[in-house]
Amino acid sequence: MSEPKPPDPAKLVIGVFLRDASRFAAIFDVLIEQFGPVDILSRWFPFDFTAYYASEMGKPLFRRMMSFNGTIDPDCLAQIKLKTNEIETALQQEGRRTVNIDPGYLLRERFVLATGKNFAHRISIGKGIYADLTLIFQRGDFQTLAWTYPDYAQENVIGFLRKVRNKYIFDLKHRKIDGPASRSCASENRIPASGSIFSQQGE
């Protein structure tokens, strides 16, 4: 009989893509306020694998990814996804999103994204959110799966996740992060309105 035990603490990873890169700094500040300090930030990547978002967000689109200091309980993923949805809604202009925010978590053996869309390989984790097993780590590297999003199969994203995994393992070994997650799922702070966020950036 398998005995239940708490899940390993996970590393929070968030990807952001948008058309107007000049607005990233303001969005970045909101994410830090909600989820804590960032320890690794990627360079800009082109987001050109699908035209799905073009009618709502325009094009071209650009992405950056980040990982957050410390760890989270994997059970927080649904709550974090709802919080990032709230941020997206707050930043809408004329009823359209200006930013897409994709939260997920990384463990030694896998990388998981949160989504509100059900599919055959996705597992409900509550609150209308599903966990998407996006990548697995085997034979010394991340491996794609039949359903892996094309952008997450690219070397620029996988290379970033390698860095995050190395940092995560280093912290586990040297800071002994082997107990409960080091912080709460997300801040309880209210999300400012879009105009407020971007006006603060210009001050």
N, C-alpha and C. Protein backbone atom coordinates (compact mmCIF):
# COMPACT_ATOMS: atom_id res chain seq x y z
N MET A 1 0.85 -1.20 0.00
CA MET A 1 0.00 0.00 0.00
C MET A 1 0.88 1.24 0.00
N SER A 2 0.60 2.15 -0.89
CA SER A 2 1.35 3.41 -0.91
C SER A 2 0.85 4.33 0.19
N GLU A 3 1.79 4.92 0.91
CA GLU A 3 1.46 5.84 1.99
C GLU A 3 1.50 7.27 1.48
N PRO A 4 0.45 8.06 1.71
CA PRO A 4 0.46 9.45 1.26
C PRO A 4 1.50 10.27 2.01
N LYS A 5 2.14 11.18 1.31
CA LYS A 5 3.10 12.08 1.94
C LYS A 5 3.05 13.41 1.21
N PRO A 6 3.49 14.47 1.84
CA PRO A 6 3.43 15.79 1.20
C PRO A 6 4.27 15.82 -0.08
N PRO A 7 3.84 16.57 -1.07
CA PRO A 7 4.63 16.69 -2.30
C PRO A 7 5.90 17.48 -2.06
N ASP A 8 6.89 17.25 -2.91
CA ASP A 8 8.11 18.04 -2.84
C ASP A 8 7.79 19.51 -3.11
N PRO A 9 8.50 20.43 -2.46
CA PRO A 9 8.33 21.84 -2.80
C PRO A 9 8.76 22.08 -4.24
N ALA A 10 8.09 22.99 -4.92
CA ALA A 10 8.31 23.23 -6.34
C ALA A 10 8.80 24.65 -6.59
N LYS A 11 9.37 24.84 -7.75
CA LYS A 11 9.86 26.15 -8.17
C LYS A 11 8.81 26.80 -9.06
N LEU A 12 8.35 27.98 -8.69
CA LEU A 12 7.36 28.70 -9.49
C LEU A 12 8.03 29.33 -10.71
N VAL A 13 7.48 29.06 -11.88
CA VAL A 13 7.97 29.61 -13.15
C VAL A 13 6.79 30.27 -13.85
N ILE A 14 6.99 31.48 -14.34
CA ILE A 14 5.93 32.19 -15.06
C ILE A 14 6.47 32.71 -16.37
N GLY A 15 5.71 32.49 -17.44
CA GLY A 15 6.01 33.05 -18.74
C GLY A 15 5.02 34.16 -19.06
N VAL A 16 5.51 35.22 -19.66
CA VAL A 16 4.69 36.38 -20.03
C VAL A 16 4.92 36.69 -21.49
N PHE A 17 3.85 36.83 -22.26
CA PHE A 17 4.05 37.38 -23.60
C PHE A 17 3.05 38.49 -23.86
N LEU A 18 3.51 39.45 -24.67
CA LEU A 18 2.75 40.67 -24.95
C LEU A 18 3.31 41.30 -26.21
N ARG A 19 2.58 42.27 -26.72
CA ARG A 19 3.03 42.95 -27.94
C ARG A 19 3.91 44.14 -27.63
N ASP A 20 3.53 44.94 -26.63
CA ASP A 20 4.25 46.16 -26.30
C ASP A 20 5.26 45.86 -25.20
N ALA A 21 6.50 45.59 -25.60
CA ALA A 21 7.52 45.21 -24.63
C ALA A 21 7.82 46.31 -23.62
N SER A 22 7.51 47.55 -23.95
CA SER A 22 7.78 48.64 -23.02
C SER A 22 6.93 48.55 -21.76
N ARG A 23 5.88 47.75 -21.81
CA ARG A 23 5.00 47.60 -20.64
C ARG A 23 5.41 46.46 -19.72
N PHE A 24 6.45 45.76 -20.12
CA PHE A 24 6.84 44.60 -19.33
C PHE A 24 7.26 44.99 -17.92
N ALA A 25 7.99 46.09 -17.76
CA ALA A 25 8.50 46.46 -16.44
C ALA A 25 7.38 46.63 -15.43
N ALA A 26 6.29 47.25 -15.84
CA ALA A 26 5.15 47.45 -14.94
C ALA A 26 4.50 46.12 -14.57
N ILE A 27 4.36 45.24 -15.56
CA ILE A 27 3.77 43.91 -15.30
C ILE A 27 4.69 43.11 -14.40
N PHE A 28 5.98 43.19 -14.63
CA PHE A 28 6.99 42.52 -13.82
C PHE A 28 6.85 42.93 -12.35
N ASP A 29 6.66 44.22 -12.11
CA ASP A 29 6.51 44.71 -10.74
C ASP A 29 5.26 44.11 -10.06
N VAL A 30 4.17 43.99 -10.82
CA VAL A 30 2.95 43.40 -10.26
C VAL A 30 3.19 41.93 -9.90
N LEU A 31 3.88 41.20 -10.75
CA LEU A 31 4.16 39.79 -10.47
C LEU A 31 5.04 39.63 -9.23
N ILE A 32 6.02 40.50 -9.09
CA ILE A 32 6.88 40.46 -7.90
C ILE A 32 6.06 40.75 -6.65
N GLU A 33 5.16 41.71 -6.74
CA GLU A 33 4.33 42.04 -5.59
C GLU A 33 3.46 40.85 -5.18
N GLN A 34 2.98 40.11 -6.17
CA GLN A 34 2.09 39.00 -5.88
C GLN A 34 2.82 37.72 -5.48
N PHE A 35 3.98 37.46 -6.09
CA PHE A 35 4.62 36.15 -5.93
C PHE A 35 6.04 36.20 -5.36
N GLY A 36 6.54 37.39 -5.08
CA GLY A 36 7.85 37.50 -4.46
C GLY A 36 8.97 37.76 -5.46
N PRO A 37 10.22 37.81 -4.95
CA PRO A 37 11.37 38.17 -5.80
C PRO A 37 11.64 37.14 -6.90
N VAL A 38 12.11 37.63 -8.02
CA VAL A 38 12.52 36.79 -9.15
C VAL A 38 14.00 36.50 -9.02
N ASP A 39 14.39 35.24 -9.24
CA ASP A 39 15.82 34.92 -9.18
C ASP A 39 16.45 34.66 -10.54
N ILE A 40 15.66 34.28 -11.54
CA ILE A 40 16.20 34.11 -12.90
C ILE A 40 15.19 34.71 -13.88
N LEU A 41 15.68 35.57 -14.76
CA LEU A 41 14.85 36.21 -15.78
C LEU A 41 15.46 35.94 -17.15
N SER A 42 14.65 35.46 -18.07
CA SER A 42 15.14 35.15 -19.41
C SER A 42 15.32 36.42 -20.24
N ARG A 43 16.01 36.27 -21.34
CA ARG A 43 16.01 37.32 -22.35
C ARG A 43 14.67 37.28 -23.09
N TRP A 44 14.48 38.20 -24.00
CA TRP A 44 13.26 38.20 -24.82
C TRP A 44 13.33 37.09 -25.87
N PHE A 45 12.20 36.38 -26.04
CA PHE A 45 12.05 35.38 -27.09
C PHE A 45 10.91 35.82 -28.00
N PRO A 46 11.02 35.58 -29.29
CA PRO A 46 9.85 35.81 -30.15
C PRO A 46 8.77 34.78 -29.85
N PHE A 47 7.53 35.20 -29.85
CA PHE A 47 6.41 34.27 -29.68
C PHE A 47 5.65 34.24 -31.01
N ASP A 48 6.04 33.32 -31.86
CA ASP A 48 5.51 33.29 -33.23
C ASP A 48 5.12 31.89 -33.68
N PHE A 49 4.67 31.08 -32.72
CA PHE A 49 4.34 29.69 -33.03
C PHE A 49 2.87 29.49 -33.39
N THR A 50 2.05 30.50 -33.15
CA THR A 50 0.63 30.40 -33.43
C THR A 50 0.07 31.79 -33.70
N ALA A 51 -0.98 31.85 -34.52
CA ALA A 51 -1.69 33.10 -34.75
C ALA A 51 -2.92 33.22 -33.84
N TYR A 52 -3.06 32.29 -32.91
CA TYR A 52 -4.26 32.22 -32.07
C TYR A 52 -4.53 33.52 -31.33
N TYR A 53 -3.48 34.19 -30.86
CA TYR A 53 -3.65 35.38 -30.03
C TYR A 53 -3.66 36.69 -30.82
N ALA A 54 -3.37 36.63 -32.12
CA ALA A 54 -3.17 37.85 -32.89
C ALA A 54 -4.41 38.74 -32.93
N SER A 55 -5.60 38.16 -33.08
CA SER A 55 -6.80 38.97 -33.20
C SER A 55 -7.09 39.74 -31.92
N GLU A 56 -6.69 39.19 -30.78
CA GLU A 56 -6.94 39.86 -29.50
C GLU A 56 -5.80 40.76 -29.08
N MET A 57 -4.55 40.29 -29.27
CA MET A 57 -3.41 40.99 -28.71
C MET A 57 -2.55 41.68 -29.75
N GLY A 58 -2.82 41.44 -31.03
CA GLY A 58 -1.99 42.00 -32.08
C GLY A 58 -0.73 41.17 -32.30
N LYS A 59 0.16 41.67 -33.11
CA LYS A 59 1.43 41.00 -33.38
C LYS A 59 2.44 42.03 -33.88
N PRO A 60 3.73 41.71 -33.80
CA PRO A 60 4.33 40.49 -33.24
C PRO A 60 4.25 40.48 -31.72
N LEU A 61 4.37 39.27 -31.16
CA LEU A 61 4.35 39.09 -29.72
C LEU A 61 5.73 38.65 -29.24
N PHE A 62 6.05 39.03 -27.99
CA PHE A 62 7.36 38.74 -27.42
C PHE A 62 7.19 38.16 -26.03
N ARG A 63 8.07 37.23 -25.67
CA ARG A 63 7.94 36.52 -24.39
C ARG A 63 9.21 36.68 -23.55
N ARG A 64 8.97 36.74 -22.22
CA ARG A 64 10.04 36.55 -21.25
C ARG A 64 9.54 35.56 -20.20
N MET A 65 10.48 34.83 -19.63
CA MET A 65 10.15 33.87 -18.59
C MET A 65 10.94 34.20 -17.34
N MET A 66 10.39 33.80 -16.21
CA MET A 66 11.05 34.10 -14.93
C MET A 66 10.76 32.99 -13.94
N SER A 67 11.69 32.80 -13.03
CA SER A 67 11.45 31.91 -11.89
C SER A 67 11.55 32.73 -10.62
N PHE A 68 10.88 32.26 -9.58
CA PHE A 68 10.75 33.02 -8.35
C PHE A 68 11.54 32.38 -7.23
N ASN A 69 12.11 33.24 -6.41
CA ASN A 69 12.94 32.79 -5.30
C ASN A 69 12.12 31.92 -4.33
N GLY A 70 12.79 30.94 -3.74
CA GLY A 70 12.10 30.07 -2.80
C GLY A 70 11.30 29.01 -3.53
N THR A 71 10.34 28.43 -2.83
CA THR A 71 9.53 27.36 -3.40
C THR A 71 8.06 27.56 -3.04
N ILE A 72 7.23 26.82 -3.76
CA ILE A 72 5.79 26.81 -3.49
C ILE A 72 5.34 25.37 -3.28
N ASP A 73 4.20 25.23 -2.66
CA ASP A 73 3.52 23.94 -2.61
C ASP A 73 2.88 23.72 -3.98
N PRO A 74 3.12 22.59 -4.64
CA PRO A 74 2.48 22.35 -5.95
C PRO A 74 0.96 22.48 -5.91
N ASP A 75 0.38 22.24 -4.74
CA ASP A 75 -1.07 22.37 -4.61
C ASP A 75 -1.55 23.81 -4.78
N CYS A 76 -0.61 24.75 -4.79
CA CYS A 76 -0.96 26.17 -4.98
C CYS A 76 -1.25 26.52 -6.44
N LEU A 77 -0.96 25.62 -7.37
CA LEU A 77 -0.96 26.00 -8.78
C LEU A 77 -2.30 26.56 -9.25
N ALA A 78 -3.41 25.96 -8.83
CA ALA A 78 -4.70 26.47 -9.26
C ALA A 78 -4.92 27.90 -8.74
N GLN A 79 -4.58 28.14 -7.49
CA GLN A 79 -4.75 29.48 -6.92
C GLN A 79 -3.88 30.49 -7.64
N ILE A 80 -2.65 30.09 -7.98
CA ILE A 80 -1.75 30.99 -8.70
C ILE A 80 -2.30 31.31 -10.09
N LYS A 81 -2.85 30.31 -10.77
CA LYS A 81 -3.43 30.55 -12.09
C LYS A 81 -4.60 31.52 -12.01
N LEU A 82 -5.43 31.38 -10.99
CA LEU A 82 -6.54 32.32 -10.84
C LEU A 82 -6.03 33.73 -10.58
N LYS A 83 -4.93 33.84 -9.84
CA LYS A 83 -4.35 35.16 -9.58
C LYS A 83 -3.79 35.78 -10.87
N THR A 84 -3.11 34.97 -11.69
CA THR A 84 -2.58 35.53 -12.94
C THR A 84 -3.72 35.86 -13.91
N ASN A 85 -4.80 35.10 -13.88
CA ASN A 85 -5.98 35.47 -14.67
C ASN A 85 -6.51 36.83 -14.23
N GLU A 86 -6.50 37.05 -12.93
CA GLU A 86 -6.97 38.32 -12.39
C GLU A 86 -6.09 39.47 -12.87
N ILE A 87 -4.79 39.23 -12.92
CA ILE A 87 -3.87 40.26 -13.42
C ILE A 87 -4.14 40.53 -14.90
N GLU A 88 -4.31 39.48 -15.69
CA GLU A 88 -4.62 39.66 -17.12
C GLU A 88 -5.88 40.51 -17.30
N THR A 89 -6.90 40.21 -16.51
CA THR A 89 -8.16 40.94 -16.62
C THR A 89 -7.98 42.40 -16.24
N ALA A 90 -7.20 42.65 -15.19
CA ALA A 90 -6.97 44.03 -14.75
C ALA A 90 -6.23 44.85 -15.81
N LEU A 91 -5.45 44.17 -16.64
CA LEU A 91 -4.64 44.86 -17.65
C LEU A 91 -5.32 44.91 -19.02
N GLN A 92 -6.55 44.45 -19.10
CA GLN A 92 -7.26 44.52 -20.38
C GLN A 92 -7.48 45.98 -20.82
N GLN A 93 -7.52 46.16 -22.11
CA GLN A 93 -7.86 47.46 -22.69
C GLN A 93 -8.94 47.24 -23.73
N GLU A 94 -10.04 47.94 -23.58
CA GLU A 94 -11.20 47.80 -24.46
C GLU A 94 -11.65 46.35 -24.54
N GLY A 95 -11.60 45.67 -23.39
CA GLY A 95 -12.08 44.30 -23.31
C GLY A 95 -11.15 43.26 -23.90
N ARG A 96 -9.94 43.65 -24.26
CA ARG A 96 -8.99 42.70 -24.85
C ARG A 96 -7.75 42.61 -23.97
N ARG A 97 -7.21 41.40 -23.91
CA ARG A 97 -5.99 41.23 -23.13
C ARG A 97 -4.81 41.93 -23.78
N THR A 98 -3.96 42.50 -22.96
CA THR A 98 -2.71 43.08 -23.43
C THR A 98 -1.52 42.21 -23.06
N VAL A 99 -1.76 41.22 -22.21
CA VAL A 99 -0.69 40.34 -21.76
C VAL A 99 -1.28 38.95 -21.50
N ASN A 100 -0.48 37.93 -21.76
CA ASN A 100 -0.83 36.56 -21.42
C ASN A 100 0.20 36.07 -20.41
N ILE A 101 -0.27 35.52 -19.29
CA ILE A 101 0.61 35.10 -18.20
C ILE A 101 0.39 33.61 -17.95
N ASP A 102 1.46 32.82 -18.11
CA ASP A 102 1.38 31.36 -17.98
C ASP A 102 2.18 30.91 -16.77
N PRO A 103 1.51 30.57 -15.66
CA PRO A 103 2.24 30.04 -14.51
C PRO A 103 2.40 28.53 -14.58
N GLY A 104 3.46 28.07 -13.99
CA GLY A 104 3.69 26.63 -13.87
C GLY A 104 4.68 26.37 -12.75
N TYR A 105 5.02 25.11 -12.56
CA TYR A 105 6.06 24.81 -11.57
C TYR A 105 7.01 23.76 -12.10
N LEU A 106 8.20 23.79 -11.53
CA LEU A 106 9.26 22.88 -11.93
C LEU A 106 9.69 22.05 -10.73
N LEU A 107 9.84 20.76 -10.97
CA LEU A 107 10.44 19.82 -10.02
C LEU A 107 11.63 19.15 -10.72
N ARG A 108 12.37 18.34 -9.99
CA ARG A 108 13.50 17.66 -10.63
C ARG A 108 13.06 16.90 -11.87
N GLU A 109 11.88 16.28 -11.80
CA GLU A 109 11.49 15.30 -12.83
C GLU A 109 10.49 15.82 -13.85
N ARG A 110 9.97 17.03 -13.69
CA ARG A 110 8.96 17.49 -14.63
C ARG A 110 8.74 18.99 -14.56
N PHE A 111 8.10 19.49 -15.62
CA PHE A 111 7.65 20.88 -15.67
C PHE A 111 6.17 20.86 -16.03
N VAL A 112 5.37 21.54 -15.22
CA VAL A 112 3.92 21.51 -15.33
C VAL A 112 3.39 22.92 -15.51
N LEU A 113 2.48 23.11 -16.46
CA LEU A 113 1.80 24.39 -16.65
C LEU A 113 0.36 24.30 -16.17
N ALA A 114 -0.20 25.44 -15.82
CA ALA A 114 -1.61 25.53 -15.45
C ALA A 114 -2.42 26.06 -16.62
N THR A 115 -3.62 25.54 -16.80
CA THR A 115 -4.49 26.00 -17.87
C THR A 115 -5.95 25.86 -17.44
N GLY A 116 -6.78 26.68 -18.04
CA GLY A 116 -8.21 26.57 -17.80
C GLY A 116 -8.92 25.69 -18.81
N LYS A 117 -8.16 25.11 -19.73
CA LYS A 117 -8.73 24.30 -20.81
C LYS A 117 -8.51 22.81 -20.54
N ASN A 118 -9.58 22.06 -20.55
CA ASN A 118 -9.49 20.62 -20.35
C ASN A 118 -9.03 19.94 -21.64
N PHE A 119 -8.35 18.80 -21.49
CA PHE A 119 -7.98 17.97 -22.63
C PHE A 119 -7.62 16.59 -22.09
N ALA A 120 -7.40 15.64 -22.99
CA ALA A 120 -7.24 14.24 -22.59
C ALA A 120 -6.10 14.03 -21.60
N HIS A 121 -5.01 14.77 -21.75
CA HIS A 121 -3.83 14.55 -20.92
C HIS A 121 -3.76 15.47 -19.72
N ARG A 122 -4.78 16.30 -19.50
CA ARG A 122 -4.76 17.28 -18.41
C ARG A 122 -5.61 16.80 -17.23
N ILE A 123 -5.12 17.09 -16.04
CA ILE A 123 -5.75 16.62 -14.82
C ILE A 123 -6.32 17.81 -14.06
N SER A 124 -7.57 17.69 -13.63
CA SER A 124 -8.19 18.76 -12.85
C SER A 124 -7.48 18.90 -11.50
N ILE A 125 -7.18 20.15 -11.14
CA ILE A 125 -6.55 20.41 -9.83
C ILE A 125 -7.42 21.36 -9.00
N GLY A 126 -8.70 21.47 -9.39
CA GLY A 126 -9.63 22.28 -8.62
C GLY A 126 -9.77 23.69 -9.15
N LYS A 127 -10.87 24.33 -8.77
CA LYS A 127 -11.15 25.73 -9.12
C LYS A 127 -11.25 25.94 -10.63
N GLY A 128 -11.59 24.87 -11.38
CA GLY A 128 -11.70 24.98 -12.83
C GLY A 128 -10.37 25.02 -13.57
N ILE A 129 -9.30 24.65 -12.91
CA ILE A 129 -7.95 24.70 -13.47
C ILE A 129 -7.42 23.28 -13.66
N TYR A 130 -6.61 23.09 -14.70
CA TYR A 130 -6.04 21.80 -15.03
C TYR A 130 -4.51 21.90 -15.05
N ALA A 131 -3.85 20.81 -14.71
CA ALA A 131 -2.40 20.71 -14.78
C ALA A 131 -2.01 20.04 -16.09
N ASP A 132 -1.12 20.68 -16.83
CA ASP A 132 -0.63 20.16 -18.10
C ASP A 132 0.81 19.70 -17.90
N LEU A 133 1.04 18.40 -18.00
CA LEU A 133 2.41 17.87 -17.92
C LEU A 133 3.11 18.22 -19.23
N THR A 134 3.93 19.25 -19.20
CA THR A 134 4.47 19.85 -20.42
C THR A 134 5.79 19.23 -20.83
N LEU A 135 6.68 18.99 -19.86
CA LEU A 135 7.99 18.40 -20.12
C LEU A 135 8.33 17.43 -19.00
N ILE A 136 9.08 16.39 -19.32
CA ILE A 136 9.62 15.51 -18.29
C ILE A 136 11.14 15.53 -18.38
N PHE A 137 11.81 15.27 -17.27
CA PHE A 137 13.27 15.26 -17.25
C PHE A 137 13.74 13.82 -17.16
N GLN A 138 14.33 13.34 -18.24
CA GLN A 138 14.85 11.98 -18.32
C GLN A 138 16.12 11.98 -19.15
N ARG A 139 16.99 11.01 -18.88
CA ARG A 139 18.25 10.85 -19.65
C ARG A 139 19.05 12.15 -19.68
N GLY A 140 19.01 12.88 -18.57
CA GLY A 140 19.86 14.05 -18.42
C GLY A 140 19.35 15.34 -19.03
N ASP A 141 18.10 15.35 -19.51
CA ASP A 141 17.60 16.59 -20.10
C ASP A 141 16.08 16.55 -20.14
N PHE A 142 15.50 17.72 -20.43
CA PHE A 142 14.05 17.79 -20.60
C PHE A 142 13.65 17.10 -21.90
N GLN A 143 12.57 16.35 -21.83
CA GLN A 143 12.04 15.65 -22.99
C GLN A 143 10.63 16.14 -23.28
N THR A 144 10.35 16.35 -24.55
CA THR A 144 9.01 16.77 -24.94
C THR A 144 8.08 15.56 -24.99
N LEU A 145 6.80 15.85 -25.00
CA LEU A 145 5.76 14.83 -25.08
C LEU A 145 4.91 15.10 -26.32
N ALA A 146 4.04 14.19 -26.65
CA ALA A 146 3.24 14.34 -27.87
C ALA A 146 2.42 15.62 -27.87
N TRP A 147 2.07 16.12 -26.70
CA TRP A 147 1.20 17.28 -26.58
C TRP A 147 1.94 18.55 -26.14
N THR A 148 3.25 18.49 -25.99
CA THR A 148 3.99 19.67 -25.54
C THR A 148 3.74 20.84 -26.49
N TYR A 149 3.43 22.00 -25.91
CA TYR A 149 3.26 23.20 -26.74
C TYR A 149 4.52 23.43 -27.57
N PRO A 150 4.39 23.80 -28.86
CA PRO A 150 5.58 23.96 -29.70
C PRO A 150 6.60 24.95 -29.14
N ASP A 151 6.13 26.03 -28.52
CA ASP A 151 7.08 27.01 -27.99
C ASP A 151 7.87 26.44 -26.81
N TYR A 152 7.26 25.54 -26.03
CA TYR A 152 7.98 24.95 -24.91
C TYR A 152 8.90 23.81 -25.34
N ALA A 153 8.86 23.46 -26.61
CA ALA A 153 9.79 22.47 -27.16
C ALA A 153 11.03 23.12 -27.74
N GLN A 154 11.08 24.44 -27.75
CA GLN A 154 12.20 25.16 -28.36
C GLN A 154 13.38 25.24 -27.41
N GLU A 155 14.57 25.29 -28.00
CA GLU A 155 15.80 25.30 -27.20
C GLU A 155 15.89 26.52 -26.31
N ASN A 156 15.36 27.68 -26.74
CA ASN A 156 15.48 28.86 -25.88
C ASN A 156 14.71 28.68 -24.57
N VAL A 157 13.53 28.09 -24.63
CA VAL A 157 12.74 27.86 -23.42
C VAL A 157 13.35 26.72 -22.61
N ILE A 158 13.70 25.62 -23.25
CA ILE A 158 14.28 24.49 -22.52
C ILE A 158 15.61 24.89 -21.88
N GLY A 159 16.40 25.70 -22.59
CA GLY A 159 17.65 26.18 -22.01
C GLY A 159 17.42 27.01 -20.75
N PHE A 160 16.39 27.84 -20.78
CA PHE A 160 16.05 28.61 -19.58
C PHE A 160 15.64 27.68 -18.45
N LEU A 161 14.82 26.67 -18.74
CA LEU A 161 14.36 25.75 -17.71
C LEU A 161 15.51 24.92 -17.14
N ARG A 162 16.53 24.63 -17.94
CA ARG A 162 17.71 23.95 -17.40
C ARG A 162 18.36 24.80 -16.31
N LYS A 163 18.48 26.09 -16.57
CA LYS A 163 19.07 26.99 -15.57
C LYS A 163 18.23 27.01 -14.29
N VAL A 164 16.92 27.06 -14.47
CA VAL A 164 16.03 27.08 -13.31
C VAL A 164 16.16 25.78 -12.52
N ARG A 165 16.20 24.67 -13.23
CA ARG A 165 16.33 23.37 -12.54
C ARG A 165 17.65 23.29 -11.78
N ASN A 166 18.73 23.76 -12.39
CA ASN A 166 20.03 23.73 -11.71
C ASN A 166 19.99 24.58 -10.44
N LYS A 167 19.36 25.74 -10.51
CA LYS A 167 19.24 26.61 -9.34
C LYS A 167 18.38 25.94 -8.27
N TYR A 168 17.30 25.34 -8.69
CA TYR A 168 16.39 24.65 -7.77
C TYR A 168 17.13 23.52 -7.03
N ILE A 169 17.88 22.71 -7.77
CA ILE A 169 18.60 21.60 -7.15
C ILE A 169 19.70 22.13 -6.23
N PHE A 170 20.39 23.17 -6.64
CA PHE A 170 21.41 23.78 -5.78
C PHE A 170 20.79 24.23 -4.46
N ASP A 171 19.64 24.90 -4.55
CA ASP A 171 18.98 25.38 -3.33
C ASP A 171 18.54 24.22 -2.44
N LEU A 172 18.04 23.17 -3.06
CA LEU A 172 17.64 22.00 -2.27
C LEU A 172 18.83 21.41 -1.51
N LYS A 173 19.99 21.37 -2.17
CA LYS A 173 21.16 20.75 -1.56
C LYS A 173 21.82 21.65 -0.51
N HIS A 174 21.94 22.93 -0.84
CA HIS A 174 22.75 23.82 -0.01
C HIS A 174 21.95 24.66 0.96
N ARG A 175 20.67 24.83 0.69
CA ARG A 175 19.84 25.58 1.62
C ARG A 175 18.84 24.67 2.33
N LYS A 176 18.94 23.38 1.98
CA LYS A 176 18.10 22.37 2.65
C LYS A 176 16.61 22.71 2.57
N ILE A 177 16.16 23.06 1.36
CA ILE A 177 14.73 23.29 1.13
C ILE A 177 14.08 21.94 0.90
N ASP A 178 13.92 21.18 1.96
CA ASP A 178 13.37 19.83 1.82
C ASP A 178 12.12 19.64 2.66
N GLY A 179 11.64 20.72 3.24
CA GLY A 179 10.42 20.65 4.03
C GLY A 179 9.28 21.30 3.28
N PRO A 180 8.35 21.90 4.01
CA PRO A 180 7.22 22.59 3.36
C PRO A 180 7.70 23.73 2.48
N ALA A 181 6.85 24.16 1.58
CA ALA A 181 7.17 25.28 0.71
C ALA A 181 7.53 26.49 1.54
N SER A 182 8.39 27.35 0.98
CA SER A 182 8.96 28.44 1.75
C SER A 182 8.07 29.67 1.84
N ARG A 183 6.96 29.70 1.11
CA ARG A 183 6.08 30.87 1.20
C ARG A 183 4.69 30.49 0.74
N SER A 184 3.77 31.44 0.90
CA SER A 184 2.38 31.21 0.57
C SER A 184 2.18 31.20 -0.94
N CYS A 185 0.99 30.81 -1.37
CA CYS A 185 0.70 30.68 -2.80
C CYS A 185 0.83 32.01 -3.53
N ALA A 186 0.24 33.07 -2.97
CA ALA A 186 0.23 34.37 -3.62
C ALA A 186 -0.14 35.42 -2.59
N SER A 187 0.16 36.66 -2.92
CA SER A 187 -0.20 37.77 -2.05
C SER A 187 -1.72 37.97 -2.05
N GLU A 188 -2.21 38.52 -0.97
CA GLU A 188 -3.63 38.88 -0.91
C GLU A 188 -3.86 40.31 -1.38
N ASN A 189 -2.81 40.97 -1.84
CA ASN A 189 -2.94 42.36 -2.28
C ASN A 189 -3.86 42.48 -3.48
N ARG A 190 -4.61 43.56 -3.51
CA ARG A 190 -5.50 43.83 -4.64
C ARG A 190 -4.67 44.14 -5.89
N ILE A 191 -5.17 43.70 -7.05
CA ILE A 191 -4.51 44.00 -8.31
C ILE A 191 -4.94 45.39 -8.77
N PRO A 192 -4.01 46.32 -8.99
CA PRO A 192 -4.41 47.65 -9.47
C PRO A 192 -5.01 47.58 -10.86
N ALA A 193 -5.77 48.59 -11.22
CA ALA A 193 -6.33 48.68 -12.56
C ALA A 193 -5.23 48.98 -13.57
N SER A 194 -5.51 48.67 -14.84
CA SER A 194 -4.52 48.82 -15.90
C SER A 194 -3.95 50.24 -15.95
N GLY A 195 -4.82 51.23 -15.93
CA GLY A 195 -4.36 52.61 -16.03
C GLY A 195 -3.45 52.99 -14.90
N SER A 196 -3.76 52.49 -13.71
CA SER A 196 -2.93 52.77 -12.55
C SER A 196 -1.55 52.15 -12.69
N ILE A 197 -1.50 50.91 -13.14
CA ILE A 197 -0.22 50.22 -13.27
C ILE A 197 0.68 50.93 -14.27
N PHE A 198 0.14 51.25 -15.43
CA PHE A 198 0.99 51.82 -16.47
C PHE A 198 1.30 53.29 -16.21
N SER A 199 0.43 54.01 -15.50
CA SER A 199 0.74 55.39 -15.15
C SER A 199 1.84 55.45 -14.12
N GLN A 200 1.87 54.47 -13.19
CA GLN A 200 2.93 54.42 -12.19
C GLN A 200 4.28 54.18 -12.86
N GLN A 201 4.29 53.40 -13.94
CA GLN A 201 5.52 53.13 -14.65
C GLN A 201 6.12 54.41 -15.21
N GLY A 202 5.25 55.31 -15.65
CA GLY A 202 5.73 56.53 -16.29
C GLY A 202 6.12 57.62 -15.33
N GLU A 203 5.86 57.44 -14.04
CA GLU A 203 6.17 58.49 -13.07
C GLU A 203 7.66 58.59 -12.82
